[in-house]
Amino acid sequence: AYLETLRHESERLSHLVENVLSYARLERGRAARRIETTTAAGLVDAMEPRLRQRAEQAGMRLRLELPPEVAGASIRTDLTAVEQIVFNLVDNAAKYARRPDRAGTITLSVARGNAADRLALRVADDGPGLSPGVRRRLFQPFSKSAAEAADSQPGVGLGLALCRRLARQELRGDLVLEKSDASGTTFRLDMRSQ
């Protein structure tokens, strides 16, 4: 039990340090872009084991939705930035969308965007949704107060701010809160596929 606690906490701390360093690089304009080419299916396959593991750690299921007409779509982008954004979204869903009375589901779906060169990745959960106060500060860096951190899941409120900056600066896209109500929360990452 002690070893499992140490492993879990070291993973959490590693994730936090990764986010802080990435944010600092973006602030200084020194983000290292690595542009790679893959397909939508290849991208999902590369991310799936880590995302599934995180969902299972929280006692949740990960569901993937990748329509055949999108699976072969070519993607030329910073795949590391995409994975960091999607992992942050899944990690948040695993922390905040859990309900004690049932196993929840986190869904990652990929669809064509509003233009031919766009893709939309959605991370949706079936949790309780976000309060209006949380929604107002959602993308502000370090938005979590010490009291909030003590009363809820660990974190400093940096993940979503980092993700939005990565989406805008590295992927030439955007990250938006698409929906949040009593049936769950959905974030949409819009990105150029080429």
N, C-alpha and C. Protein backbone atom coordinates (compact mmCIF):
# COMPACT_ATOMS: atom_id res chain seq x y z
N ALA A 1 0.83 -1.20 0.00
CA ALA A 1 0.00 0.00 0.00
C ALA A 1 0.88 1.26 0.00
N TYR A 2 1.97 1.22 0.80
CA TYR A 2 2.87 2.37 0.83
C TYR A 2 3.53 2.59 -0.52
N LEU A 3 3.96 1.50 -1.14
CA LEU A 3 4.61 1.59 -2.45
C LEU A 3 3.65 2.16 -3.49
N GLU A 4 2.41 1.72 -3.46
CA GLU A 4 1.41 2.23 -4.40
C GLU A 4 1.15 3.71 -4.18
N THR A 5 1.09 4.14 -2.92
CA THR A 5 0.92 5.57 -2.62
C THR A 5 2.10 6.37 -3.13
N LEU A 6 3.31 5.89 -2.90
CA LEU A 6 4.51 6.59 -3.39
C LEU A 6 4.51 6.69 -4.91
N ARG A 7 4.15 5.59 -5.58
CA ARG A 7 4.11 5.59 -7.04
C ARG A 7 3.09 6.61 -7.55
N HIS A 8 1.90 6.59 -6.96
CA HIS A 8 0.85 7.51 -7.38
C HIS A 8 1.27 8.97 -7.16
N GLU A 9 1.83 9.26 -6.03
CA GLU A 9 2.24 10.64 -5.72
C GLU A 9 3.41 11.08 -6.60
N SER A 10 4.32 10.18 -6.92
CA SER A 10 5.43 10.56 -7.80
C SER A 10 4.93 10.84 -9.21
N GLU A 11 3.94 10.09 -9.68
CA GLU A 11 3.33 10.37 -10.99
C GLU A 11 2.64 11.73 -10.98
N ARG A 12 1.92 12.02 -9.91
CA ARG A 12 1.22 13.30 -9.80
C ARG A 12 2.21 14.45 -9.78
N LEU A 13 3.28 14.30 -9.01
CA LEU A 13 4.29 15.35 -8.93
C LEU A 13 5.01 15.52 -10.28
N SER A 14 5.28 14.43 -10.95
CA SER A 14 5.90 14.49 -12.28
C SER A 14 5.02 15.26 -13.26
N HIS A 15 3.74 14.99 -13.22
CA HIS A 15 2.78 15.68 -14.09
C HIS A 15 2.76 17.18 -13.78
N LEU A 16 2.77 17.53 -12.51
CA LEU A 16 2.78 18.93 -12.10
C LEU A 16 4.06 19.64 -12.57
N VAL A 17 5.20 19.01 -12.38
CA VAL A 17 6.47 19.60 -12.80
C VAL A 17 6.49 19.77 -14.32
N GLU A 18 6.01 18.77 -15.05
CA GLU A 18 5.94 18.86 -16.51
C GLU A 18 5.10 20.05 -16.94
N ASN A 19 3.97 20.28 -16.28
CA ASN A 19 3.11 21.41 -16.61
C ASN A 19 3.78 22.75 -16.30
N VAL A 20 4.42 22.85 -15.15
CA VAL A 20 5.08 24.11 -14.77
C VAL A 20 6.21 24.42 -15.74
N LEU A 21 7.02 23.43 -16.09
CA LEU A 21 8.12 23.66 -17.04
C LEU A 21 7.60 24.04 -18.42
N SER A 22 6.56 23.37 -18.88
CA SER A 22 5.98 23.70 -20.18
C SER A 22 5.43 25.13 -20.18
N TYR A 23 4.78 25.50 -19.10
CA TYR A 23 4.22 26.85 -19.01
C TYR A 23 5.34 27.89 -19.02
N ALA A 24 6.41 27.62 -18.29
CA ALA A 24 7.56 28.55 -18.26
C ALA A 24 8.19 28.68 -19.64
N ARG A 25 8.31 27.58 -20.38
CA ARG A 25 8.86 27.65 -21.74
C ARG A 25 7.97 28.48 -22.65
N LEU A 26 6.67 28.32 -22.53
CA LEU A 26 5.75 29.12 -23.35
C LEU A 26 5.85 30.60 -22.99
N GLU A 27 5.97 30.90 -21.70
CA GLU A 27 6.10 32.29 -21.25
C GLU A 27 7.34 32.95 -21.83
N ARG A 28 8.42 32.18 -21.93
CA ARG A 28 9.68 32.72 -22.46
C ARG A 28 9.75 32.65 -23.98
N GLY A 29 8.76 32.02 -24.60
CA GLY A 29 8.78 31.87 -26.05
C GLY A 29 9.79 30.85 -26.51
N ARG A 30 10.09 29.88 -25.65
CA ARG A 30 11.10 28.88 -25.98
C ARG A 30 10.52 27.48 -26.12
N ALA A 31 9.28 27.36 -26.42
CA ALA A 31 8.70 26.04 -26.56
C ALA A 31 9.34 25.34 -27.75
N ALA A 32 9.75 24.10 -27.54
CA ALA A 32 10.39 23.33 -28.60
C ALA A 32 9.32 22.55 -29.35
N ARG A 33 9.07 22.94 -30.58
CA ARG A 33 8.06 22.25 -31.38
C ARG A 33 8.71 21.10 -32.13
N ARG A 34 8.03 19.97 -32.09
CA ARG A 34 8.45 18.81 -32.88
C ARG A 34 7.27 18.43 -33.75
N ILE A 35 7.32 18.84 -35.00
CA ILE A 35 6.23 18.56 -35.93
C ILE A 35 6.41 17.15 -36.49
N GLU A 36 5.35 16.37 -36.39
CA GLU A 36 5.37 15.00 -36.89
C GLU A 36 4.11 14.76 -37.70
N THR A 37 4.14 13.72 -38.51
CA THR A 37 2.98 13.36 -39.32
C THR A 37 2.47 11.99 -38.89
N THR A 38 1.16 11.89 -38.74
CA THR A 38 0.51 10.62 -38.41
C THR A 38 -0.92 10.70 -38.94
N THR A 39 -1.74 9.80 -38.52
CA THR A 39 -3.17 9.83 -38.84
C THR A 39 -3.94 10.03 -37.53
N ALA A 40 -5.21 10.32 -37.65
CA ALA A 40 -6.05 10.46 -36.44
C ALA A 40 -6.03 9.16 -35.65
N ALA A 41 -6.11 8.02 -36.35
CA ALA A 41 -6.06 6.72 -35.67
C ALA A 41 -4.72 6.51 -35.00
N GLY A 42 -3.63 6.89 -35.66
CA GLY A 42 -2.30 6.75 -35.07
C GLY A 42 -2.14 7.60 -33.83
N LEU A 43 -2.68 8.80 -33.87
CA LEU A 43 -2.63 9.70 -32.71
C LEU A 43 -3.37 9.10 -31.53
N VAL A 44 -4.58 8.61 -31.77
CA VAL A 44 -5.39 8.02 -30.70
C VAL A 44 -4.71 6.76 -30.16
N ASP A 45 -4.17 5.92 -31.05
CA ASP A 45 -3.48 4.70 -30.61
C ASP A 45 -2.28 5.03 -29.73
N ALA A 46 -1.55 6.09 -30.05
CA ALA A 46 -0.37 6.46 -29.27
C ALA A 46 -0.76 6.96 -27.88
N MET A 47 -1.87 7.66 -27.77
CA MET A 47 -2.29 8.23 -26.48
C MET A 47 -3.07 7.25 -25.62
N GLU A 48 -3.75 6.31 -26.23
CA GLU A 48 -4.73 5.48 -25.55
C GLU A 48 -4.23 4.75 -24.31
N PRO A 49 -3.05 4.09 -24.32
CA PRO A 49 -2.66 3.36 -23.11
C PRO A 49 -2.53 4.26 -21.87
N ARG A 50 -1.89 5.41 -22.03
CA ARG A 50 -1.70 6.33 -20.90
C ARG A 50 -3.04 6.90 -20.42
N LEU A 51 -3.92 7.23 -21.36
CA LEU A 51 -5.23 7.77 -20.99
C LEU A 51 -6.08 6.71 -20.29
N ARG A 52 -6.05 5.49 -20.82
CA ARG A 52 -6.83 4.40 -20.21
C ARG A 52 -6.33 4.11 -18.80
N GLN A 53 -5.00 4.10 -18.63
CA GLN A 53 -4.44 3.85 -17.31
C GLN A 53 -4.90 4.91 -16.31
N ARG A 54 -4.91 6.18 -16.74
CA ARG A 54 -5.32 7.27 -15.83
C ARG A 54 -6.79 7.13 -15.46
N ALA A 55 -7.63 6.81 -16.44
CA ALA A 55 -9.06 6.63 -16.16
C ALA A 55 -9.27 5.47 -15.19
N GLU A 56 -8.57 4.37 -15.42
CA GLU A 56 -8.74 3.20 -14.56
C GLU A 56 -8.25 3.46 -13.14
N GLN A 57 -7.20 4.28 -12.98
CA GLN A 57 -6.74 4.64 -11.64
C GLN A 57 -7.84 5.32 -10.85
N ALA A 58 -8.71 6.04 -11.55
CA ALA A 58 -9.81 6.75 -10.89
C ALA A 58 -11.08 5.89 -10.82
N GLY A 59 -11.00 4.65 -11.27
CA GLY A 59 -12.18 3.79 -11.26
C GLY A 59 -13.17 4.15 -12.34
N MET A 60 -12.68 4.73 -13.43
CA MET A 60 -13.55 5.15 -14.54
C MET A 60 -13.19 4.38 -15.80
N ARG A 61 -14.09 4.42 -16.77
CA ARG A 61 -13.85 3.79 -18.07
C ARG A 61 -13.46 4.85 -19.08
N LEU A 62 -12.60 4.48 -20.03
CA LEU A 62 -12.26 5.35 -21.14
C LEU A 62 -12.93 4.80 -22.39
N ARG A 63 -13.69 5.64 -23.07
CA ARG A 63 -14.36 5.26 -24.31
C ARG A 63 -13.77 6.10 -25.43
N LEU A 64 -13.45 5.46 -26.54
CA LEU A 64 -12.89 6.15 -27.70
C LEU A 64 -13.92 6.16 -28.81
N GLU A 65 -14.08 7.32 -29.46
CA GLU A 65 -14.98 7.46 -30.61
C GLU A 65 -14.19 8.04 -31.76
N LEU A 66 -13.91 7.19 -32.75
CA LEU A 66 -13.13 7.59 -33.91
C LEU A 66 -13.83 7.04 -35.15
N PRO A 67 -14.68 7.84 -35.78
CA PRO A 67 -15.42 7.36 -36.96
C PRO A 67 -14.46 6.96 -38.08
N PRO A 68 -14.81 5.95 -38.86
CA PRO A 68 -13.93 5.49 -39.95
C PRO A 68 -13.55 6.60 -40.93
N GLU A 69 -14.45 7.53 -41.18
CA GLU A 69 -14.15 8.59 -42.15
C GLU A 69 -13.12 9.59 -41.62
N VAL A 70 -12.85 9.55 -40.33
CA VAL A 70 -11.86 10.45 -39.73
C VAL A 70 -10.56 9.70 -39.41
N ALA A 71 -10.64 8.40 -39.18
CA ALA A 71 -9.50 7.61 -38.71
C ALA A 71 -8.27 7.77 -39.60
N GLY A 72 -8.45 7.83 -40.90
CA GLY A 72 -7.31 7.93 -41.82
C GLY A 72 -6.87 9.34 -42.12
N ALA A 73 -7.51 10.34 -41.50
CA ALA A 73 -7.16 11.74 -41.76
C ALA A 73 -5.70 11.99 -41.38
N SER A 74 -4.96 12.60 -42.26
CA SER A 74 -3.56 12.90 -42.01
C SER A 74 -3.45 14.09 -41.06
N ILE A 75 -2.52 13.97 -40.11
CA ILE A 75 -2.28 15.03 -39.14
C ILE A 75 -0.79 15.36 -39.17
N ARG A 76 -0.48 16.63 -39.32
CA ARG A 76 0.91 17.10 -39.24
C ARG A 76 0.92 18.21 -38.20
N THR A 77 1.41 17.86 -37.01
CA THR A 77 1.33 18.80 -35.89
C THR A 77 2.34 18.40 -34.82
N ASP A 78 2.36 19.13 -33.73
CA ASP A 78 3.18 18.80 -32.57
C ASP A 78 2.41 17.77 -31.75
N LEU A 79 2.72 16.51 -31.98
CA LEU A 79 1.98 15.43 -31.33
C LEU A 79 2.18 15.41 -29.82
N THR A 80 3.35 15.84 -29.36
CA THR A 80 3.61 15.91 -27.92
C THR A 80 2.68 16.92 -27.25
N ALA A 81 2.47 18.06 -27.89
CA ALA A 81 1.57 19.08 -27.34
C ALA A 81 0.14 18.56 -27.31
N VAL A 82 -0.28 17.87 -28.37
CA VAL A 82 -1.63 17.31 -28.40
C VAL A 82 -1.81 16.32 -27.26
N GLU A 83 -0.83 15.42 -27.08
CA GLU A 83 -0.94 14.43 -26.01
C GLU A 83 -0.96 15.10 -24.63
N GLN A 84 -0.16 16.14 -24.45
CA GLN A 84 -0.13 16.82 -23.15
C GLN A 84 -1.49 17.45 -22.85
N ILE A 85 -2.10 18.07 -23.85
CA ILE A 85 -3.41 18.69 -23.66
C ILE A 85 -4.46 17.63 -23.33
N VAL A 86 -4.51 16.58 -24.14
CA VAL A 86 -5.54 15.56 -23.94
C VAL A 86 -5.33 14.85 -22.61
N PHE A 87 -4.07 14.57 -22.23
CA PHE A 87 -3.84 13.93 -20.94
C PHE A 87 -4.30 14.82 -19.79
N ASN A 88 -4.03 16.12 -19.88
CA ASN A 88 -4.49 17.04 -18.83
C ASN A 88 -6.01 17.01 -18.71
N LEU A 89 -6.70 16.98 -19.84
CA LEU A 89 -8.17 16.95 -19.81
C LEU A 89 -8.69 15.65 -19.19
N VAL A 90 -8.07 14.52 -19.56
CA VAL A 90 -8.48 13.24 -19.00
C VAL A 90 -8.14 13.19 -17.51
N ASP A 91 -6.98 13.71 -17.14
CA ASP A 91 -6.58 13.75 -15.73
C ASP A 91 -7.58 14.57 -14.91
N ASN A 92 -7.99 15.73 -15.43
CA ASN A 92 -8.99 16.54 -14.73
C ASN A 92 -10.31 15.80 -14.59
N ALA A 93 -10.74 15.14 -15.66
CA ALA A 93 -11.99 14.38 -15.59
C ALA A 93 -11.88 13.27 -14.55
N ALA A 94 -10.72 12.61 -14.50
CA ALA A 94 -10.52 11.53 -13.53
C ALA A 94 -10.56 12.06 -12.10
N LYS A 95 -10.08 13.29 -11.89
CA LYS A 95 -10.07 13.86 -10.54
C LYS A 95 -11.42 14.43 -10.13
N TYR A 96 -12.10 15.10 -11.05
CA TYR A 96 -13.28 15.90 -10.65
C TYR A 96 -14.63 15.31 -11.06
N ALA A 97 -14.64 14.35 -11.98
CA ALA A 97 -15.92 13.84 -12.47
C ALA A 97 -16.35 12.55 -11.80
N ARG A 98 -15.51 12.02 -10.94
CA ARG A 98 -15.88 10.76 -10.26
C ARG A 98 -17.10 10.97 -9.38
N ARG A 99 -17.96 9.98 -9.41
CA ARG A 99 -19.12 9.99 -8.51
C ARG A 99 -19.03 8.73 -7.66
N PRO A 100 -19.29 8.85 -6.37
CA PRO A 100 -19.11 7.69 -5.49
C PRO A 100 -20.11 6.56 -5.75
N ASP A 101 -21.25 6.88 -6.35
CA ASP A 101 -22.30 5.89 -6.52
C ASP A 101 -22.20 5.05 -7.78
N ARG A 102 -21.29 5.40 -8.71
CA ARG A 102 -21.19 4.62 -9.95
C ARG A 102 -19.85 4.90 -10.64
N ALA A 103 -19.50 3.96 -11.51
CA ALA A 103 -18.28 4.15 -12.31
C ALA A 103 -18.60 5.12 -13.44
N GLY A 104 -17.79 6.11 -13.58
CA GLY A 104 -18.02 7.10 -14.63
C GLY A 104 -17.31 6.72 -15.92
N THR A 105 -17.59 7.51 -16.93
CA THR A 105 -16.97 7.30 -18.25
C THR A 105 -16.35 8.60 -18.73
N ILE A 106 -15.15 8.48 -19.27
CA ILE A 106 -14.48 9.59 -19.94
C ILE A 106 -14.43 9.22 -21.42
N THR A 107 -14.90 10.11 -22.27
CA THR A 107 -14.96 9.82 -23.69
C THR A 107 -14.01 10.75 -24.45
N LEU A 108 -13.16 10.16 -25.27
CA LEU A 108 -12.33 10.92 -26.19
C LEU A 108 -12.88 10.67 -27.59
N SER A 109 -13.31 11.73 -28.24
CA SER A 109 -13.84 11.59 -29.60
C SER A 109 -13.07 12.50 -30.55
N VAL A 110 -12.94 12.05 -31.78
CA VAL A 110 -12.26 12.83 -32.81
C VAL A 110 -13.23 12.99 -33.97
N ALA A 111 -13.36 14.22 -34.45
CA ALA A 111 -14.27 14.52 -35.57
C ALA A 111 -13.62 15.57 -36.46
N ARG A 112 -14.14 15.71 -37.64
CA ARG A 112 -13.71 16.79 -38.52
C ARG A 112 -14.11 18.11 -37.89
N GLY A 113 -13.29 19.13 -38.07
CA GLY A 113 -13.60 20.45 -37.56
C GLY A 113 -14.48 21.21 -38.53
N ASN A 114 -14.57 22.51 -38.31
CA ASN A 114 -15.45 23.34 -39.13
C ASN A 114 -14.83 23.71 -40.48
N ALA A 115 -13.61 23.26 -40.75
CA ALA A 115 -12.97 23.47 -42.05
C ALA A 115 -12.24 22.18 -42.43
N ALA A 116 -11.90 22.05 -43.69
CA ALA A 116 -11.28 20.81 -44.18
C ALA A 116 -9.96 20.50 -43.50
N ASP A 117 -9.22 21.53 -43.09
CA ASP A 117 -7.91 21.29 -42.47
C ASP A 117 -7.99 21.31 -40.94
N ARG A 118 -9.16 21.12 -40.38
CA ARG A 118 -9.34 21.17 -38.92
C ARG A 118 -9.84 19.82 -38.38
N LEU A 119 -9.38 19.52 -37.16
CA LEU A 119 -9.90 18.39 -36.41
C LEU A 119 -10.38 18.90 -35.07
N ALA A 120 -11.38 18.25 -34.52
CA ALA A 120 -11.90 18.58 -33.20
C ALA A 120 -11.78 17.34 -32.33
N LEU A 121 -11.01 17.45 -31.25
CA LEU A 121 -10.90 16.39 -30.27
C LEU A 121 -11.70 16.82 -29.05
N ARG A 122 -12.59 15.96 -28.61
CA ARG A 122 -13.42 16.27 -27.45
C ARG A 122 -13.12 15.29 -26.32
N VAL A 123 -13.00 15.83 -25.12
CA VAL A 123 -12.90 15.00 -23.92
C VAL A 123 -14.13 15.33 -23.09
N ALA A 124 -14.96 14.32 -22.89
CA ALA A 124 -16.22 14.51 -22.18
C ALA A 124 -16.28 13.55 -21.00
N ASP A 125 -16.92 14.01 -19.93
CA ASP A 125 -17.15 13.13 -18.78
C ASP A 125 -18.62 13.18 -18.43
N ASP A 126 -19.02 12.29 -17.53
CA ASP A 126 -20.42 12.27 -17.09
C ASP A 126 -20.51 12.63 -15.61
N GLY A 127 -19.62 13.55 -15.20
CA GLY A 127 -19.59 14.00 -13.81
C GLY A 127 -20.62 15.07 -13.51
N PRO A 128 -20.47 15.75 -12.38
CA PRO A 128 -21.48 16.71 -11.94
C PRO A 128 -21.40 18.08 -12.60
N GLY A 129 -20.43 18.32 -13.45
CA GLY A 129 -20.30 19.63 -14.09
C GLY A 129 -19.52 20.60 -13.23
N LEU A 130 -19.27 21.78 -13.77
CA LEU A 130 -18.48 22.80 -13.09
C LEU A 130 -19.38 23.91 -12.59
N SER A 131 -19.06 24.44 -11.43
CA SER A 131 -19.85 25.55 -10.90
C SER A 131 -19.57 26.81 -11.71
N PRO A 132 -20.48 27.79 -11.70
CA PRO A 132 -20.24 29.04 -12.45
C PRO A 132 -18.95 29.75 -12.02
N GLY A 133 -18.62 29.71 -10.73
CA GLY A 133 -17.39 30.35 -10.25
C GLY A 133 -16.15 29.70 -10.84
N VAL A 134 -16.14 28.39 -10.91
CA VAL A 134 -15.01 27.66 -11.49
C VAL A 134 -14.93 27.95 -12.99
N ARG A 135 -16.06 27.97 -13.67
CA ARG A 135 -16.06 28.23 -15.13
C ARG A 135 -15.47 29.60 -15.45
N ARG A 136 -15.72 30.60 -14.61
CA ARG A 136 -15.22 31.96 -14.88
C ARG A 136 -13.69 32.02 -14.84
N ARG A 137 -13.07 31.21 -13.99
CA ARG A 137 -11.61 31.28 -13.82
C ARG A 137 -10.88 30.12 -14.51
N LEU A 138 -11.59 29.34 -15.25
CA LEU A 138 -11.10 28.06 -15.75
C LEU A 138 -9.74 28.13 -16.43
N PHE A 139 -9.51 29.10 -17.28
CA PHE A 139 -8.29 29.15 -18.08
C PHE A 139 -7.27 30.15 -17.54
N GLN A 140 -7.47 30.62 -16.32
CA GLN A 140 -6.50 31.54 -15.70
C GLN A 140 -5.43 30.73 -14.99
N PRO A 141 -4.14 31.08 -15.20
CA PRO A 141 -3.08 30.32 -14.53
C PRO A 141 -3.12 30.49 -13.02
N PHE A 142 -2.81 29.41 -12.33
CA PHE A 142 -2.75 29.37 -10.87
C PHE A 142 -4.06 29.87 -10.26
N SER A 143 -5.17 29.43 -10.83
CA SER A 143 -6.48 29.91 -10.41
C SER A 143 -7.00 29.23 -9.14
N LYS A 144 -6.33 28.21 -8.70
CA LYS A 144 -6.79 27.48 -7.52
C LYS A 144 -6.16 28.07 -6.27
N SER A 145 -6.97 28.47 -5.34
CA SER A 145 -6.44 29.01 -4.08
C SER A 145 -5.95 27.87 -3.20
N ALA A 146 -5.18 28.20 -2.18
CA ALA A 146 -4.67 27.19 -1.24
C ALA A 146 -5.83 26.48 -0.55
N ALA A 147 -6.88 27.23 -0.21
CA ALA A 147 -8.04 26.62 0.44
C ALA A 147 -8.73 25.64 -0.50
N GLU A 148 -8.89 26.02 -1.77
CA GLU A 148 -9.52 25.12 -2.74
C GLU A 148 -8.68 23.87 -2.94
N ALA A 149 -7.36 24.03 -3.01
CA ALA A 149 -6.48 22.88 -3.19
C ALA A 149 -6.58 21.94 -2.00
N ALA A 150 -6.73 22.50 -0.81
CA ALA A 150 -6.84 21.66 0.39
C ALA A 150 -8.19 20.95 0.45
N ASP A 151 -9.24 21.59 -0.07
CA ASP A 151 -10.58 21.02 0.01
C ASP A 151 -10.95 20.12 -1.16
N SER A 152 -10.11 20.11 -2.21
CA SER A 152 -10.46 19.31 -3.39
C SER A 152 -9.26 18.47 -3.79
N GLN A 153 -9.20 18.12 -5.04
CA GLN A 153 -8.08 17.35 -5.57
C GLN A 153 -6.82 18.20 -5.60
N PRO A 154 -5.64 17.56 -5.48
CA PRO A 154 -4.40 18.33 -5.51
C PRO A 154 -4.18 18.98 -6.87
N GLY A 155 -3.50 20.09 -6.86
CA GLY A 155 -3.19 20.82 -8.08
C GLY A 155 -3.13 22.30 -7.78
N VAL A 156 -2.58 23.05 -8.74
CA VAL A 156 -2.42 24.49 -8.52
C VAL A 156 -3.25 25.33 -9.49
N GLY A 157 -4.01 24.68 -10.36
CA GLY A 157 -4.83 25.44 -11.30
C GLY A 157 -4.05 25.94 -12.50
N LEU A 158 -3.08 25.18 -12.94
CA LEU A 158 -2.25 25.58 -14.08
C LEU A 158 -2.56 24.79 -15.35
N GLY A 159 -3.06 23.59 -15.20
CA GLY A 159 -3.23 22.68 -16.34
C GLY A 159 -4.02 23.24 -17.50
N LEU A 160 -5.20 23.79 -17.24
CA LEU A 160 -6.04 24.28 -18.34
C LEU A 160 -5.48 25.55 -18.97
N ALA A 161 -4.85 26.40 -18.17
CA ALA A 161 -4.21 27.59 -18.73
C ALA A 161 -3.09 27.17 -19.68
N LEU A 162 -2.29 26.20 -19.26
CA LEU A 162 -1.22 25.67 -20.11
C LEU A 162 -1.80 25.07 -21.38
N CYS A 163 -2.84 24.27 -21.23
CA CYS A 163 -3.44 23.59 -22.39
C CYS A 163 -3.96 24.59 -23.42
N ARG A 164 -4.61 25.63 -22.95
CA ARG A 164 -5.12 26.64 -23.90
C ARG A 164 -3.96 27.33 -24.62
N ARG A 165 -2.90 27.66 -23.90
CA ARG A 165 -1.75 28.31 -24.55
C ARG A 165 -1.08 27.38 -25.55
N LEU A 166 -0.95 26.11 -25.18
CA LEU A 166 -0.39 25.14 -26.13
C LEU A 166 -1.25 25.05 -27.38
N ALA A 167 -2.57 24.99 -27.18
CA ALA A 167 -3.48 24.90 -28.32
C ALA A 167 -3.34 26.10 -29.23
N ARG A 168 -3.26 27.28 -28.66
CA ARG A 168 -3.21 28.51 -29.47
C ARG A 168 -1.83 28.75 -30.08
N GLN A 169 -0.77 28.55 -29.30
CA GLN A 169 0.56 28.89 -29.78
C GLN A 169 1.22 27.77 -30.56
N GLU A 170 1.03 26.53 -30.14
CA GLU A 170 1.74 25.43 -30.78
C GLU A 170 0.90 24.72 -31.85
N LEU A 171 -0.40 24.68 -31.67
CA LEU A 171 -1.25 23.92 -32.59
C LEU A 171 -2.06 24.81 -33.52
N ARG A 172 -1.94 26.13 -33.38
CA ARG A 172 -2.71 27.08 -34.18
C ARG A 172 -4.21 26.77 -34.11
N GLY A 173 -4.65 26.48 -32.90
CA GLY A 173 -6.05 26.13 -32.68
C GLY A 173 -6.57 26.80 -31.43
N ASP A 174 -7.44 26.09 -30.71
CA ASP A 174 -7.99 26.63 -29.48
C ASP A 174 -8.51 25.50 -28.61
N LEU A 175 -8.64 25.78 -27.33
CA LEU A 175 -9.25 24.88 -26.38
C LEU A 175 -10.39 25.62 -25.73
N VAL A 176 -11.59 25.05 -25.79
CA VAL A 176 -12.77 25.71 -25.24
C VAL A 176 -13.56 24.74 -24.38
N LEU A 177 -14.27 25.33 -23.43
CA LEU A 177 -15.25 24.57 -22.66
C LEU A 177 -16.52 24.56 -23.49
N GLU A 178 -16.88 23.41 -23.99
CA GLU A 178 -18.04 23.32 -24.88
C GLU A 178 -19.34 23.19 -24.11
N LYS A 179 -19.29 22.46 -22.99
CA LYS A 179 -20.52 22.22 -22.22
C LYS A 179 -20.15 21.85 -20.80
N SER A 180 -20.93 22.30 -19.84
CA SER A 180 -20.79 21.84 -18.47
C SER A 180 -22.12 22.03 -17.76
N ASP A 181 -22.71 20.92 -17.40
CA ASP A 181 -23.97 20.95 -16.66
C ASP A 181 -24.04 19.69 -15.80
N ALA A 182 -25.19 19.41 -15.25
CA ALA A 182 -25.33 18.28 -14.33
C ALA A 182 -25.09 16.93 -15.00
N SER A 183 -25.09 16.89 -16.34
CA SER A 183 -24.85 15.63 -17.04
C SER A 183 -23.38 15.43 -17.41
N GLY A 184 -22.53 16.43 -17.13
CA GLY A 184 -21.12 16.27 -17.41
C GLY A 184 -20.50 17.49 -18.05
N THR A 185 -19.22 17.37 -18.36
CA THR A 185 -18.43 18.46 -18.91
C THR A 185 -17.74 18.00 -20.18
N THR A 186 -17.68 18.88 -21.18
CA THR A 186 -17.00 18.57 -22.44
C THR A 186 -16.07 19.71 -22.81
N PHE A 187 -14.81 19.37 -23.05
CA PHE A 187 -13.83 20.31 -23.59
C PHE A 187 -13.56 19.94 -25.04
N ARG A 188 -13.36 20.95 -25.89
CA ARG A 188 -13.09 20.71 -27.31
C ARG A 188 -11.75 21.34 -27.68
N LEU A 189 -10.86 20.53 -28.22
CA LEU A 189 -9.59 21.02 -28.75
C LEU A 189 -9.74 21.10 -30.27
N ASP A 190 -9.72 22.32 -30.79
CA ASP A 190 -9.75 22.54 -32.23
C ASP A 190 -8.31 22.73 -32.69
N MET A 191 -7.92 22.01 -33.72
CA MET A 191 -6.55 22.11 -34.19
C MET A 191 -6.46 21.92 -35.69
N ARG A 192 -5.43 22.50 -36.28
CA ARG A 192 -5.15 22.28 -37.70
C ARG A 192 -4.63 20.86 -37.86
N SER A 193 -5.06 20.20 -38.90
CA SER A 193 -4.58 18.83 -39.15
C SER A 193 -3.37 18.85 -40.08
N GLN A 194 -3.11 19.97 -40.73
CA GLN A 194 -1.96 20.04 -41.66
C GLN A 194 -1.15 21.27 -41.38
